PDB file of N, CA and C in Angstrom:
ATOM      1  N   MET A   1      40.328 148.885  99.863  1.00  0.00           N
ATOM      2  CA  MET A   1      40.920 147.595  99.542  1.00  0.00           C
ATOM      3  C   MET A   1      41.071 146.778 100.819  1.00  0.00           C
ATOM      4  N   SER A   2      40.704 145.528 100.742  1.00  0.00           N
ATOM      5  CA  SER A   2      40.788 144.643 101.901  1.00  0.00           C
ATOM      6  C   SER A   2      42.144 143.992 102.002  1.00  0.00           C
ATOM      7  N   MET A   3      42.433 143.528 103.184  1.00  0.00           N
ATOM      8  CA  MET A   3      43.655 142.789 103.442  1.00  0.00           C
ATOM      9  C   MET A   3      43.257 141.340 103.692  1.00  0.00           C
ATOM     10  N   CYS A   4      44.065 140.431 103.221  1.00  0.00           N
ATOM     11  CA  CYS A   4      43.827 139.009 103.436  1.00  0.00           C
ATOM     12  C   CYS A   4      44.956 138.466 104.290  1.00  0.00           C
ATOM     13  N   THR A   5      44.604 137.792 105.367  1.00  0.00           N
ATOM     14  CA  THR A   5      45.593 137.230 106.268  1.00  0.00           C
ATOM     15  C   THR A   5      45.347 135.747 106.417  1.00  0.00           C
ATOM     16  N   GLY A   6      46.408 134.981 106.345  1.00  0.00           N
ATOM     17  CA  GLY A   6      46.310 133.542 106.538  1.00  0.00           C
ATOM     18  C   GLY A   6      47.536 133.059 107.273  1.00  0.00           C
ATOM     19  N   GLY A   7      47.429 131.888 107.826  1.00  0.00           N
ATOM     20  CA  GLY A   7      48.585 131.350 108.526  1.00  0.00           C
ATOM     21  C   GLY A   7      48.471 129.851 108.666  1.00  0.00           C
ATOM     22  N   CYS A   8      49.596 129.225 108.813  1.00  0.00           N
ATOM     23  CA  CYS A   8      49.642 127.776 109.012  1.00  0.00           C
ATOM     24  C   CYS A   8      50.566 127.478 110.181  1.00  0.00           C
ATOM     25  N   VAL A   9      49.979 127.054 111.283  1.00  0.00           N
ATOM     26  CA  VAL A   9      50.752 126.663 112.452  1.00  0.00           C
ATOM     27  C   VAL A   9      50.210 125.327 112.938  1.00  0.00           C
ATOM     28  N   PRO A  10      51.029 124.554 113.626  1.00  0.00           N
ATOM     29  CA  PRO A  10      50.529 123.286 114.181  1.00  0.00           C
ATOM     30  C   PRO A  10      49.615 123.569 115.371  1.00  0.00           C
ATOM     31  N   LEU A  11      48.784 122.604 115.709  1.00  0.00           N
ATOM     32  CA  LEU A  11      47.933 122.742 116.881  1.00  0.00           C
ATOM     33  C   LEU A  11      48.695 122.253 118.106  1.00  0.00           C
ATOM     34  N   LEU A  12      49.102 123.197 118.917  1.00  0.00           N
ATOM     35  CA  LEU A  12      49.795 122.931 120.174  1.00  0.00           C
ATOM     36  C   LEU A  12      49.037 123.664 121.272  1.00  0.00           C
ATOM     37  N   SER A  13      49.355 123.389 122.510  1.00  0.00           N
ATOM     38  CA  SER A  13      48.642 124.054 123.602  1.00  0.00           C
ATOM     39  C   SER A  13      48.754 125.580 123.508  1.00  0.00           C
ATOM     40  N   ASP A  14      49.889 126.088 123.021  1.00  0.00           N
ATOM     41  CA  ASP A  14      50.044 127.538 122.933  1.00  0.00           C
ATOM     42  C   ASP A  14      49.555 128.140 121.616  1.00  0.00           C
ATOM     43  N   THR A  15      49.023 127.316 120.701  1.00  0.00           N
ATOM     44  CA  THR A  15      48.452 127.869 119.476  1.00  0.00           C
ATOM     45  C   THR A  15      46.925 127.769 119.455  1.00  0.00           C
ATOM     46  N   ILE A  16      46.325 127.140 120.477  1.00  0.00           N
ATOM     47  CA  ILE A  16      44.865 127.098 120.558  1.00  0.00           C
ATOM     48  C   ILE A  16      44.366 128.528 120.772  1.00  0.00           C
ATOM     49  N   LYS A  17      43.473 128.956 119.909  1.00  0.00           N
ATOM     50  CA  LYS A  17      42.916 130.324 119.927  1.00  0.00           C
ATOM     51  C   LYS A  17      44.010 131.386 119.812  1.00  0.00           C
ATOM     52  N   LEU A  18      45.087 131.029 119.104  1.00  0.00           N
ATOM     53  CA  LEU A  18      46.177 131.985 118.858  1.00  0.00           C
ATOM     54  C   LEU A  18      45.643 133.239 118.165  1.00  0.00           C
ATOM     55  N   VAL A  19      44.730 133.033 117.225  1.00  0.00           N
ATOM     56  CA  VAL A  19      44.116 134.164 116.531  1.00  0.00           C
ATOM     57  C   VAL A  19      42.806 134.464 117.253  1.00  0.00           C
ATOM     58  N   GLY A  20      42.876 135.445 118.135  1.00  0.00           N
ATOM     59  CA  GLY A  20      41.732 135.813 118.955  1.00  0.00           C
ATOM     60  C   GLY A  20      41.370 137.267 118.754  1.00  0.00           C
ATOM     61  N   GLU A  21      40.728 137.807 119.759  1.00  0.00           N
ATOM     62  CA  GLU A  21      40.212 139.182 119.697  1.00  0.00           C
ATOM     63  C   GLU A  21      41.284 140.193 119.304  1.00  0.00           C
ATOM     64  N   GLN A  22      42.423 140.147 119.973  1.00  0.00           N
ATOM     65  CA  GLN A  22      43.468 141.148 119.724  1.00  0.00           C
ATOM     66  C   GLN A  22      43.991 141.083 118.293  1.00  0.00           C
ATOM     67  N   LYS A  23      44.265 139.887 117.819  1.00  0.00           N
ATOM     68  CA  LYS A  23      44.823 139.764 116.465  1.00  0.00           C
ATOM     69  C   LYS A  23      43.784 140.094 115.399  1.00  0.00           C
ATOM     70  N   ILE A  24      42.555 139.647 115.584  1.00  0.00           N
ATOM     71  CA  ILE A  24      41.520 139.929 114.582  1.00  0.00           C
ATOM     72  C   ILE A  24      41.211 141.421 114.551  1.00  0.00           C
ATOM     73  N   ARG A  25      41.112 142.044 115.709  1.00  0.00           N
ATOM     74  CA  ARG A  25      40.806 143.484 115.738  1.00  0.00           C
ATOM     75  C   ARG A  25      41.980 144.325 115.252  1.00  0.00           C
ATOM     76  N   ALA A  26      43.179 143.763 115.239  1.00  0.00           N
ATOM     77  CA  ALA A  26      44.340 144.491 114.703  1.00  0.00           C
ATOM     78  C   ALA A  26      44.339 144.494 113.174  1.00  0.00           C
ATOM     79  N   MET A  27      43.555 143.600 112.582  1.00  0.00           N
ATOM     80  CA  MET A  27      43.455 143.561 111.122  1.00  0.00           C
ATOM     81  C   MET A  27      42.645 144.763 110.631  1.00  0.00           C
ATOM     82  N   LYS A  28      42.936 145.195 109.424  1.00  0.00           N
ATOM     83  CA  LYS A  28      42.210 146.293 108.809  1.00  0.00           C
ATOM     84  C   LYS A  28      40.732 145.920 108.687  1.00  0.00           C
ATOM     85  N   ARG A  29      39.849 146.860 108.972  1.00  0.00           N
ATOM     86  CA  ARG A  29      38.410 146.631 108.822  1.00  0.00           C
ATOM     87  C   ARG A  29      38.121 146.213 107.375  1.00  0.00           C
ATOM     88  N   GLY A  30      37.331 145.161 107.221  1.00  0.00           N
ATOM     89  CA  GLY A  30      37.002 144.654 105.887  1.00  0.00           C
ATOM     90  C   GLY A  30      37.953 143.571 105.408  1.00  0.00           C
ATOM     91  N   SER A  31      38.878 143.167 106.256  1.00  0.00           N
ATOM     92  CA  SER A  31      39.850 142.139 105.879  1.00  0.00           C
ATOM     93  C   SER A  31      39.183 140.778 105.704  1.00  0.00           C
ATOM     94  N   ILE A  32      39.934 139.880 105.092  1.00  0.00           N
ATOM     95  CA  ILE A  32      39.521 138.488 104.911  1.00  0.00           C
ATOM     96  C   ILE A  32      40.514 137.627 105.682  1.00  0.00           C
ATOM     97  N   LEU A  33      39.998 136.737 106.497  1.00  0.00           N
ATOM     98  CA  LEU A  33      40.843 135.826 107.271  1.00  0.00           C
ATOM     99  C   LEU A  33      40.758 134.448 106.639  1.00  0.00           C
ATOM    100  N   VAL A  34      41.912 133.846 106.373  1.00  0.00           N
ATOM    101  CA  VAL A  34      41.983 132.503 105.807  1.00  0.00           C
ATOM    102  C   VAL A  34      42.664 131.598 106.828  1.00  0.00           C
ATOM    103  N   ASP A  35      41.996 130.493 107.166  1.00  0.00           N
ATOM    104  CA  ASP A  35      42.586 129.513 108.084  1.00  0.00           C
ATOM    105  C   ASP A  35      42.619 128.168 107.386  1.00  0.00           C
ATOM    106  N   MET A  36      43.829 127.676 107.161  1.00  0.00           N
ATOM    107  CA  MET A  36      44.000 126.353 106.569  1.00  0.00           C
ATOM    108  C   MET A  36      44.989 125.547 107.395  1.00  0.00           C
ATOM    109  N   ALA A  37      45.136 125.964 108.644  1.00  0.00           N
ATOM    110  CA  ALA A  37      46.069 125.290 109.547  1.00  0.00           C
ATOM    111  C   ALA A  37      45.310 124.248 110.360  1.00  0.00           C
ATOM    112  N   ARG A  38      44.793 124.667 111.491  1.00  0.00           N
ATOM    113  CA  ARG A  38      43.997 123.832 112.377  1.00  0.00           C
ATOM    114  C   ARG A  38      42.832 124.682 112.861  1.00  0.00           C
ATOM    115  N   GLY A  39      41.653 124.096 112.943  1.00  0.00           N
ATOM    116  CA  GLY A  39      40.457 124.851 113.290  1.00  0.00           C
ATOM    117  C   GLY A  39      40.512 125.541 114.633  1.00  0.00           C
ATOM    118  N   LYS A  40      41.181 124.938 115.595  1.00  0.00           N
ATOM    119  CA  LYS A  40      41.210 125.513 116.940  1.00  0.00           C
ATOM    120  C   LYS A  40      42.223 126.638 117.096  1.00  0.00           C
ATOM    121  N   VAL A  41      42.966 126.944 116.038  1.00  0.00           N
ATOM    122  CA  VAL A  41      43.928 128.051 116.092  1.00  0.00           C
ATOM    123  C   VAL A  41      43.199 129.391 116.117  1.00  0.00           C
ATOM    124  N   VAL A  42      42.033 129.453 115.487  1.00  0.00           N
ATOM    125  CA  VAL A  42      41.232 130.680 115.459  1.00  0.00           C
ATOM    126  C   VAL A  42      40.109 130.551 116.484  1.00  0.00           C
ATOM    127  N   ASP A  43      39.930 131.572 117.293  1.00  0.00           N
ATOM    128  CA  ASP A  43      38.824 131.602 118.247  1.00  0.00           C
ATOM    129  C   ASP A  43      37.535 131.839 117.455  1.00  0.00           C
ATOM    130  N   GLU A  44      36.741 130.800 117.318  1.00  0.00           N
ATOM    131  CA  GLU A  44      35.565 130.856 116.448  1.00  0.00           C
ATOM    132  C   GLU A  44      34.529 131.873 116.921  1.00  0.00           C
ATOM    133  N   GLU A  45      34.348 132.025 118.218  1.00  0.00           N
ATOM    134  CA  GLU A  45      33.380 133.006 118.719  1.00  0.00           C
ATOM    135  C   GLU A  45      33.806 134.429 118.365  1.00  0.00           C
ATOM    136  N   VAL A  46      35.088 134.713 118.487  1.00  0.00           N
ATOM    137  CA  VAL A  46      35.615 136.032 118.111  1.00  0.00           C
ATOM    138  C   VAL A  46      35.448 136.238 116.610  1.00  0.00           C
ATOM    139  N   LEU A  47      35.742 135.214 115.839  1.00  0.00           N
ATOM    140  CA  LEU A  47      35.605 135.289 114.391  1.00  0.00           C
ATOM    141  C   LEU A  47      34.158 135.606 114.008  1.00  0.00           C
ATOM    142  N   LEU A  48      33.207 134.940 114.640  1.00  0.00           N
ATOM    143  CA  LEU A  48      31.794 135.188 114.340  1.00  0.00           C
ATOM    144  C   LEU A  48      31.377 136.608 114.725  1.00  0.00           C
ATOM    145  N   ARG A  49      31.862 137.111 115.861  1.00  0.00           N
ATOM    146  CA  ARG A  49      31.550 138.492 116.240  1.00  0.00           C
ATOM    147  C   ARG A  49      32.120 139.478 115.221  1.00  0.00           C
ATOM    148  N   ALA A  50      33.328 139.190 114.739  1.00  0.00           N
ATOM    149  CA  ALA A  50      33.965 140.079 113.752  1.00  0.00           C
ATOM    150  C   ALA A  50      33.223 140.044 112.419  1.00  0.00           C
ATOM    151  N   LEU A  51      32.632 138.911 112.082  1.00  0.00           N
ATOM    152  CA  LEU A  51      31.790 138.847 110.879  1.00  0.00           C
ATOM    153  C   LEU A  51      30.473 139.588 111.115  1.00  0.00           C
ATOM    154  N   ASP A  52      29.900 139.418 112.303  1.00  0.00           N
ATOM    155  CA  ASP A  52      28.643 140.103 112.642  1.00  0.00           C
ATOM    156  C   ASP A  52      28.769 141.614 112.523  1.00  0.00           C
ATOM    157  N   ASP A  53      29.864 142.170 113.051  1.00  0.00           N
ATOM    158  CA  ASP A  53      30.007 143.628 113.031  1.00  0.00           C
ATOM    159  C   ASP A  53      30.802 144.110 111.812  1.00  0.00           C
ATOM    160  N   VAL A  54      31.020 143.223 110.875  1.00  0.00           N
ATOM    161  CA  VAL A  54      31.662 143.494 109.580  1.00  0.00           C
ATOM    162  C   VAL A  54      33.095 143.998 109.729  1.00  0.00           C
ATOM    163  N   HIS A  55      33.722 143.681 110.867  1.00  0.00           N
ATOM    164  CA  HIS A  55      35.159 143.969 110.954  1.00  0.00           C
ATOM    165  C   HIS A  55      35.893 143.078 109.945  1.00  0.00           C
ATOM    166  N   LEU A  56      35.476 141.823 109.876  1.00  0.00           N
ATOM    167  CA  LEU A  56      35.942 140.938 108.802  1.00  0.00           C
ATOM    168  C   LEU A  56      34.873 140.915 107.725  1.00  0.00           C
ATOM    169  N   SER A  57      35.304 141.057 106.480  1.00  0.00           N
ATOM    170  CA  SER A  57      34.326 141.004 105.399  1.00  0.00           C
ATOM    171  C   SER A  57      33.999 139.567 105.019  1.00  0.00           C
ATOM    172  N   SER A  58      34.942 138.648 105.294  1.00  0.00           N
ATOM    173  CA  SER A  58      34.744 137.268 104.890  1.00  0.00           C
ATOM    174  C   SER A  58      35.809 136.403 105.536  1.00  0.00           C
ATOM    175  N   VAL A  59      35.574 135.094 105.502  1.00  0.00           N
ATOM    176  CA  VAL A  59      36.583 134.132 105.913  1.00  0.00           C
ATOM    177  C   VAL A  59      36.673 133.039 104.861  1.00  0.00           C
ATOM    178  N   GLY A  60      37.846 132.457 104.767  1.00  0.00           N
ATOM    179  CA  GLY A  60      38.063 131.282 103.939  1.00  0.00           C
ATOM    180  C   GLY A  60      38.564 130.179 104.844  1.00  0.00           C
ATOM    181  N   LEU A  61      37.785 129.124 104.992  1.00  0.00           N
ATOM    182  CA  LEU A  61      38.133 128.063 105.937  1.00  0.00           C
ATOM    183  C   LEU A  61      38.080 126.695 105.272  1.00  0.00           C
ATOM    184  N   ASP A  62      39.057 125.881 105.584  1.00  0.00           N
ATOM    185  CA  ASP A  62      38.942 124.457 105.248  1.00  0.00           C
ATOM    186  C   ASP A  62      39.274 123.618 106.473  1.00  0.00           C
ATOM    187  N   VAL A  63      39.276 124.266 107.633  1.00  0.00           N
ATOM    188  CA  VAL A  63      39.455 123.596 108.917  1.00  0.00           C
ATOM    189  C   VAL A  63      38.477 124.211 109.906  1.00  0.00           C
ATOM    190  N   TYR A  64      38.036 123.394 110.859  1.00  0.00           N
ATOM    191  CA  TYR A  64      37.013 123.827 111.809  1.00  0.00           C
ATOM    192  C   TYR A  64      37.340 123.258 113.188  1.00  0.00           C
ATOM    193  N   PRO A  65      36.972 123.966 114.262  1.00  0.00           N
ATOM    194  CA  PRO A  65      37.319 123.493 115.603  1.00  0.00           C
ATOM    195  C   PRO A  65      36.773 122.105 115.931  1.00  0.00           C
ATOM    196  N   ASN A  66      35.612 121.767 115.417  1.00  0.00           N
ATOM    197  CA  ASN A  66      34.987 120.490 115.740  1.00  0.00           C
ATOM    198  C   ASN A  66      34.778 119.636 114.495  1.00  0.00           C
ATOM    199  N   GLU A  67      35.807 119.594 113.642  1.00  0.00           N
ATOM    200  CA  GLU A  67      35.684 118.816 112.399  1.00  0.00           C
ATOM    201  C   GLU A  67      35.204 117.410 112.706  1.00  0.00           C
ATOM    202  N   PRO A  68      34.342 116.894 111.847  1.00  0.00           N
ATOM    203  CA  PRO A  68      33.888 117.421 110.561  1.00  0.00           C
ATOM    204  C   PRO A  68      32.702 118.373 110.673  1.00  0.00           C
ATOM    205  N   LEU A  69      32.259 118.691 111.884  1.00  0.00           N
ATOM    206  CA  LEU A  69      31.113 119.579 112.059  1.00  0.00           C
ATOM    207  C   LEU A  69      31.504 121.025 111.763  1.00  0.00           C
ATOM    208  N   VAL A  70      30.611 121.729 111.106  1.00  0.00           N
ATOM    209  CA  VAL A  70      30.817 123.145 110.789  1.00  0.00           C
ATOM    210  C   VAL A  70      29.775 123.936 111.570  1.00  0.00           C
ATOM    211  N   ASN A  71      30.218 124.971 112.261  1.00  0.00           N
ATOM    212  CA  ASN A  71      29.297 125.825 113.004  1.00  0.00           C
ATOM    213  C   ASN A  71      28.272 126.412 112.032  1.00  0.00           C
ATOM    214  N   PRO A  72      26.986 126.144 112.233  1.00  0.00           N
ATOM    215  CA  PRO A  72      25.965 126.642 111.303  1.00  0.00           C
ATOM    216  C   PRO A  72      25.942 128.156 111.168  1.00  0.00           C
ATOM    217  N   ARG A  73      26.431 128.868 112.178  1.00  0.00           N
ATOM    218  CA  ARG A  73      26.478 130.335 112.077  1.00  0.00           C
ATOM    219  C   ARG A  73      27.356 130.786 110.923  1.00  0.00           C
ATOM    220  N   LEU A  74      28.408 130.008 110.606  1.00  0.00           N
ATOM    221  CA  LEU A  74      29.286 130.378 109.485  1.00  0.00           C
ATOM    222  C   LEU A  74      28.531 130.391 108.159  1.00  0.00           C
ATOM    223  N   LEU A  75      27.470 129.607 108.088  1.00  0.00           N
ATOM    224  CA  LEU A  75      26.675 129.525 106.862  1.00  0.00           C
ATOM    225  C   LEU A  75      25.763 130.737 106.673  1.00  0.00           C
ATOM    226  N   GLU A  76      25.626 131.545 107.696  1.00  0.00           N
ATOM    227  CA  GLU A  76      24.783 132.741 107.616  1.00  0.00           C
ATOM    228  C   GLU A  76      25.427 133.860 106.802  1.00  0.00           C
ATOM    229  N   PHE A  77      26.695 133.699 106.476  1.00  0.00           N
ATOM    230  CA  PHE A  77      27.436 134.735 105.751  1.00  0.00           C
ATOM    231  C   PHE A  77      27.750 134.208 104.347  1.00  0.00           C
ATOM    232  N   PRO A  78      26.961 134.582 103.356  1.00  0.00           N
ATOM    233  CA  PRO A  78      27.138 134.006 102.008  1.00  0.00           C
ATOM    234  C   PRO A  78      28.482 134.343 101.364  1.00  0.00           C
ATOM    235  N   GLN A  79      29.182 135.341 101.876  1.00  0.00           N
ATOM    236  CA  GLN A  79      30.475 135.714 101.316  1.00  0.00           C
ATOM    237  C   GLN A  79      31.605 134.805 101.800  1.00  0.00           C
ATOM    238  N   ASN A  80      31.345 133.974 102.810  1.00  0.00           N
ATOM    239  CA  ASN A  80      32.375 133.068 103.319  1.00  0.00           C
ATOM    240  C   ASN A  80      32.629 131.935 102.334  1.00  0.00           C
ATOM    241  N   VAL A  81      33.852 131.468 102.304  1.00  0.00           N
ATOM    242  CA  VAL A  81      34.213 130.290 101.520  1.00  0.00           C
ATOM    243  C   VAL A  81      34.554 129.182 102.507  1.00  0.00           C
ATOM    244  N   LEU A  82      33.719 128.155 102.531  1.00  0.00           N
ATOM    245  CA  LEU A  82      33.866 127.055 103.482  1.00  0.00           C
ATOM    246  C   LEU A  82      34.047 125.764 102.708  1.00  0.00           C
ATOM    247  N   LEU A  83      35.172 125.129 102.911  1.00  0.00           N
ATOM    248  CA  LEU A  83      35.497 123.900 102.191  1.00  0.00           C
ATOM    249  C   LEU A  83      35.873 122.806 103.180  1.00  0.00           C
ATOM    250  N   PRO A  84      35.749 121.547 102.772  1.00  0.00           N
ATOM    251  CA  PRO A  84      36.300 120.476 103.606  1.00  0.00           C
ATOM    252  C   PRO A  84      37.820 120.526 103.531  1.00  0.00           C
ATOM    253  N   HIS A  85      38.465 119.983 104.537  1.00  0.00           N
ATOM    254  CA  HIS A  85      39.931 119.954 104.580  1.00  0.00           C
ATOM    255  C   HIS A  85      40.423 118.961 103.520  1.00  0.00           C
ATOM    256  N   MET A  86      40.758 119.479 102.345  1.00  0.00           N
ATOM    257  CA  MET A  86      41.080 118.581 101.231  1.00  0.00           C
ATOM    258  C   MET A  86      42.201 119.106 100.340  1.00  0.00           C
ATOM    259  N   GLY A  87      43.153 119.788 100.942  1.00  0.00           N
ATOM    260  CA  GLY A  87      44.236 120.383 100.169  1.00  0.00           C
ATOM    261  C   GLY A  87      45.095 119.392  99.408  1.00  0.00           C
ATOM    262  N   THR A  88      45.025 118.128  99.758  1.00  0.00           N
ATOM    263  CA  THR A  88      45.869 117.126  99.093  1.00  0.00           C
ATOM    264  C   THR A  88      45.059 116.199  98.190  1.00  0.00           C
ATOM    265  N   GLU A  89      43.876 116.613  97.825  1.00  0.00           N
ATOM    266  CA  GLU A  89      43.012 115.733  97.030  1.00  0.00           C
ATOM    267  C   GLU A  89      43.402 115.743  95.545  1.00  0.00           C
ATOM    268  N   ASN A  90      44.470 115.044  95.243  1.00  0.00           N
ATOM    269  CA  ASN A  90      44.820 114.754  93.855  1.00  0.00           C
ATOM    270  C   ASN A  90      45.530 113.402  93.850  1.00  0.00           C
ATOM    271  N   GLN A  91      45.575 112.760  92.717  1.00  0.00           N
ATOM    272  CA  GLN A  91      46.091 111.391  92.645  1.00  0.00           C
ATOM    273  C   GLN A  91      47.543 111.276  93.084  1.00  0.00           C
ATOM    274  N   ASP A  92      48.391 112.188  92.644  1.00  0.00           N
ATOM    275  CA  ASP A  92      49.812 112.107  92.993  1.00  0.00           C
ATOM    276  C   ASP A  92      50.029 112.230  94.500  1.00  0.00           C
ATOM    277  N   SER A  93      49.378 113.213  95.108  1.00  0.00           N
ATOM    278  CA  SER A  93      49.532 113.393  96.560  1.00  0.00           C
ATOM    279  C   SER A  93      48.966 112.211  97.325  1.00  0.00           C
ATOM    280  N   GLN A  94      47.819 111.726  96.902  1.00  0.00           N
ATOM    281  CA  GLN A  94      47.211 110.581  97.579  1.00  0.00           C
ATOM    282  C   GLN A  94      48.117 109.358  97.504  1.00  0.00           C
ATOM    283  N   ARG A  95      48.702 109.121  96.361  1.00  0.00           N
ATOM    284  CA  ARG A  95      49.601 107.971  96.188  1.00  0.00           C
ATOM    285  C   ARG A  95      50.823 108.104  97.102  1.00  0.00           C
ATOM    286  N   ARG A  96      51.433 109.299  97.119  1.00  0.00           N
ATOM    287  CA  ARG A  96      52.595 109.518  97.981  1.00  0.00           C
ATOM    288  C   ARG A  96      52.236 109.343  99.456  1.00  0.00           C
ATOM    289  N   MET A  97      51.051 109.802  99.847  1.00  0.00           N
ATOM    290  CA  MET A  97      50.635 109.639 101.239  1.00  0.00           C
ATOM    291  C   MET A  97      50.385 108.171 101.573  1.00  0.00           C
ATOM    292  N   GLU A  98      49.828 107.423 100.636  1.00  0.00           N
ATOM    293  CA  GLU A  98      49.612 105.987 100.865  1.00  0.00           C
ATOM    294  C   GLU A  98      50.942 105.271 101.085  1.00  0.00           C
ATOM    295  N   VAL A  99      51.913 105.549 100.219  1.00  0.00           N
ATOM    296  CA  VAL A  99      53.228 104.911 100.339  1.00  0.00           C
ATOM    297  C   VAL A  99      53.888 105.323 101.650  1.00  0.00           C
ATOM    298  N   ARG A 100      53.787 106.605 101.989  1.00  0.00           N
ATOM    299  CA  ARG A 100      54.408 107.079 103.221  1.00  0.00           C
ATOM    300  C   ARG A 100      53.748 106.458 104.448  1.00  0.00           C
ATOM    301  N   ALA A 101      52.421 106.337 104.429  1.00  0.00           N
ATOM    302  CA  ALA A 101      51.712 105.726 105.554  1.00  0.00           C
ATOM    303  C   ALA A 101      52.110 104.259 105.711  1.00  0.00           C
ATOM    304  N   LEU A 102      52.196 103.550 104.607  1.00  0.00           N
ATOM    305  CA  LEU A 102      52.600 102.143 104.676  1.00  0.00           C
ATOM    306  C   LEU A 102      54.046 102.007 105.139  1.00  0.00           C
ATOM    307  N   THR A 103      54.909 102.918 104.718  1.00  0.00           N
ATOM    308  CA  THR A 103      56.304 102.915 105.166  1.00  0.00           C
ATOM    309  C   THR A 103      56.366 103.165 106.676  1.00  0.00           C
ATOM    310  N   ASN A 104      55.573 104.112 107.155  1.00  0.00           N
ATOM    311  CA  ASN A 104      55.525 104.383 108.597  1.00  0.00           C
ATOM    312  C   ASN A 104      55.002 103.178 109.360  1.00  0.00           C
ATOM    313  N   LEU A 105      53.993 102.510 108.833  1.00  0.00           N
ATOM    314  CA  LEU A 105      53.458 101.317 109.491  1.00  0.00           C
ATOM    315  C   LEU A 105      54.527 100.229 109.559  1.00  0.00           C
ATOM    316  N   ARG A 106      55.232 100.005 108.439  1.00  0.00           N
ATOM    317  CA  ARG A 106      56.310  99.015 108.419  1.00  0.00           C
ATOM    318  C   ARG A 106      57.383  99.363 109.446  1.00  0.00           C
ATOM    319  N   ASP A 107      57.791 100.641 109.460  1.00  0.00           N
ATOM    320  CA  ASP A 107      58.826 101.069 110.395  1.00  0.00           C
ATOM    321  C   ASP A 107      58.365 100.930 111.846  1.00  0.00           C
ATOM    322  N   PHE A 108      57.096 101.207 112.098  1.00  0.00           N
ATOM    323  CA  PHE A 108      56.581 101.053 113.453  1.00  0.00           C
ATOM    324  C   PHE A 108      56.613  99.585 113.880  1.00  0.00           C
ATOM    325  N   LEU A 109      56.170  98.709 112.986  1.00  0.00           N
ATOM    326  CA  LEU A 109      56.167  97.283 113.307  1.00  0.00           C
ATOM    327  C   LEU A 109      57.584  96.725 113.445  1.00  0.00           C
ATOM    328  N   ARG A 110      58.495  97.216 112.625  1.00  0.00           N
ATOM    329  CA  ARG A 110      59.871  96.730 112.639  1.00  0.00           C
ATOM    330  C   ARG A 110      60.710  97.377 113.727  1.00  0.00           C
ATOM    331  N   ASP A 111      60.579  98.729 113.892  1.00  0.00           N
ATOM    332  CA  ASP A 111      61.474  99.481 114.773  1.00  0.00           C
ATOM    333  C   ASP A 111      60.799 100.048 116.018  1.00  0.00           C
ATOM    334  N   GLY A 112      59.488  99.941 116.079  1.00  0.00           N
ATOM    335  CA  GLY A 112      58.768 100.479 117.232  1.00  0.00           C
ATOM    336  C   GLY A 112      58.370 101.928 117.108  1.00  0.00           C
ATOM    337  N   GLN A 113      58.707 102.572 115.998  1.00  0.00           N
ATOM    338  CA  GLN A 113      58.314 103.970 115.799  1.00  0.00           C
ATOM    339  C   GLN A 113      58.342 104.319 114.325  1.00  0.00           C
ATOM    340  N   GLY A 114      57.311 105.056 113.897  1.00  0.00           N
ATOM    341  CA  GLY A 114      57.291 105.590 112.537  1.00  0.00           C
ATOM    342  C   GLY A 114      58.092 106.876 112.492  1.00  0.00           C
ATOM    343  N   HIS A 115      58.230 107.450 111.329  1.00  0.00           N
ATOM    344  CA  HIS A 115      59.062 108.650 111.186  1.00  0.00           C
ATOM    345  C   HIS A 115      58.273 109.940 111.033  1.00  0.00           C
ATOM    346  N   ASP A 116      56.987 109.842 110.782  1.00  0.00           N
ATOM    347  CA  ASP A 116      56.180 111.045 110.551  1.00  0.00           C
ATOM    348  C   ASP A 116      55.157 111.217 111.658  1.00  0.00           C
ATOM    349  N   LEU A 117      55.589 111.751 112.771  1.00  0.00           N
ATOM    350  CA  LEU A 117      54.682 112.023 113.872  1.00  0.00           C
ATOM    351  C   LEU A 117      54.169 113.455 113.744  1.00  0.00           C
ATOM    352  N   VAL A 118      52.875 113.621 113.812  1.00  0.00           N
ATOM    353  CA  VAL A 118      52.328 114.971 113.765  1.00  0.00           C
ATOM    354  C   VAL A 118      52.682 115.663 115.073  1.00  0.00           C
ATOM    355  N   PRO A 119      52.916 116.973 115.030  1.00  0.00           N
ATOM    356  CA  PRO A 119      53.359 117.684 116.230  1.00  0.00           C
ATOM    357  C   PRO A 119      52.445 117.466 117.435  1.00  0.00           C
ATOM    358  N   GLU A 120      51.143 117.369 117.190  1.00  0.00           N
ATOM    359  CA  GLU A 120      50.202 117.199 118.292  1.00  0.00           C
ATOM    360  C   GLU A 120      50.421 115.894 119.058  1.00  0.00           C
ATOM    361  N   LEU A 121      51.044 114.892 118.433  1.00  0.00           N
ATOM    362  CA  LEU A 121      51.224 113.600 119.073  1.00  0.00           C
ATOM    363  C   LEU A 121      52.641 113.359 119.594  1.00  0.00           C
ATOM    364  N   ARG A 122      53.590 114.178 119.218  1.00  0.00           N
ATOM    365  CA  ARG A 122      54.977 113.940 119.632  1.00  0.00           C
ATOM    366  C   ARG A 122      55.142 113.871 121.146  1.00  0.00           C
ATOM    367  N   SER A 123      54.459 114.749 121.850  1.00  0.00           N
ATOM    368  CA  SER A 123      54.616 114.785 123.311  1.00  0.00           C
ATOM    369  C   SER A 123      53.937 113.607 124.000  1.00  0.00           C
ATOM    370  N   LYS A 124      53.104 112.878 123.303  1.00  0.00           N
ATOM    371  CA  LYS A 124      52.372 111.759 123.911  1.00  0.00           C
ATOM    372  C   LYS A 124      53.117 110.449 123.800  1.00  0.00           C
ATOM    373  N   LEU A 125      54.230 110.434 123.090  1.00  0.00           N
ATOM    374  CA  LEU A 125      54.996 109.184 122.931  1.00  0.00           C
ATOM    375  C   LEU A 125      56.229 109.174 123.813  1.00  0.00           C
TER     376      LEU A 125
END
């Protein structure tokens, strides 16, 4: 029986390649790795080596280090599930995001700052 591991962390300087050789090799042989956080959180070269030697049986990805580009090597493994980053693709979520974005724009124009800063940008303001 395989193990499936996934995680969601923000992309910060200390989370780049957070999932690397040590963490992937600590997973049970035949495991499935799911990344739906940020593409650069997983060391893609290590991930590809683990797929090559079948330490990982498969990956499920909807994020990539160089989005929107997908490493063509990932396509060599038919068992992988590769999707575009689209976890919020439904009408209700899209509507809420539109309203929130417009509210942030209004607040930025009125107050000089919006309220929803992604973690990657907080340190730049």
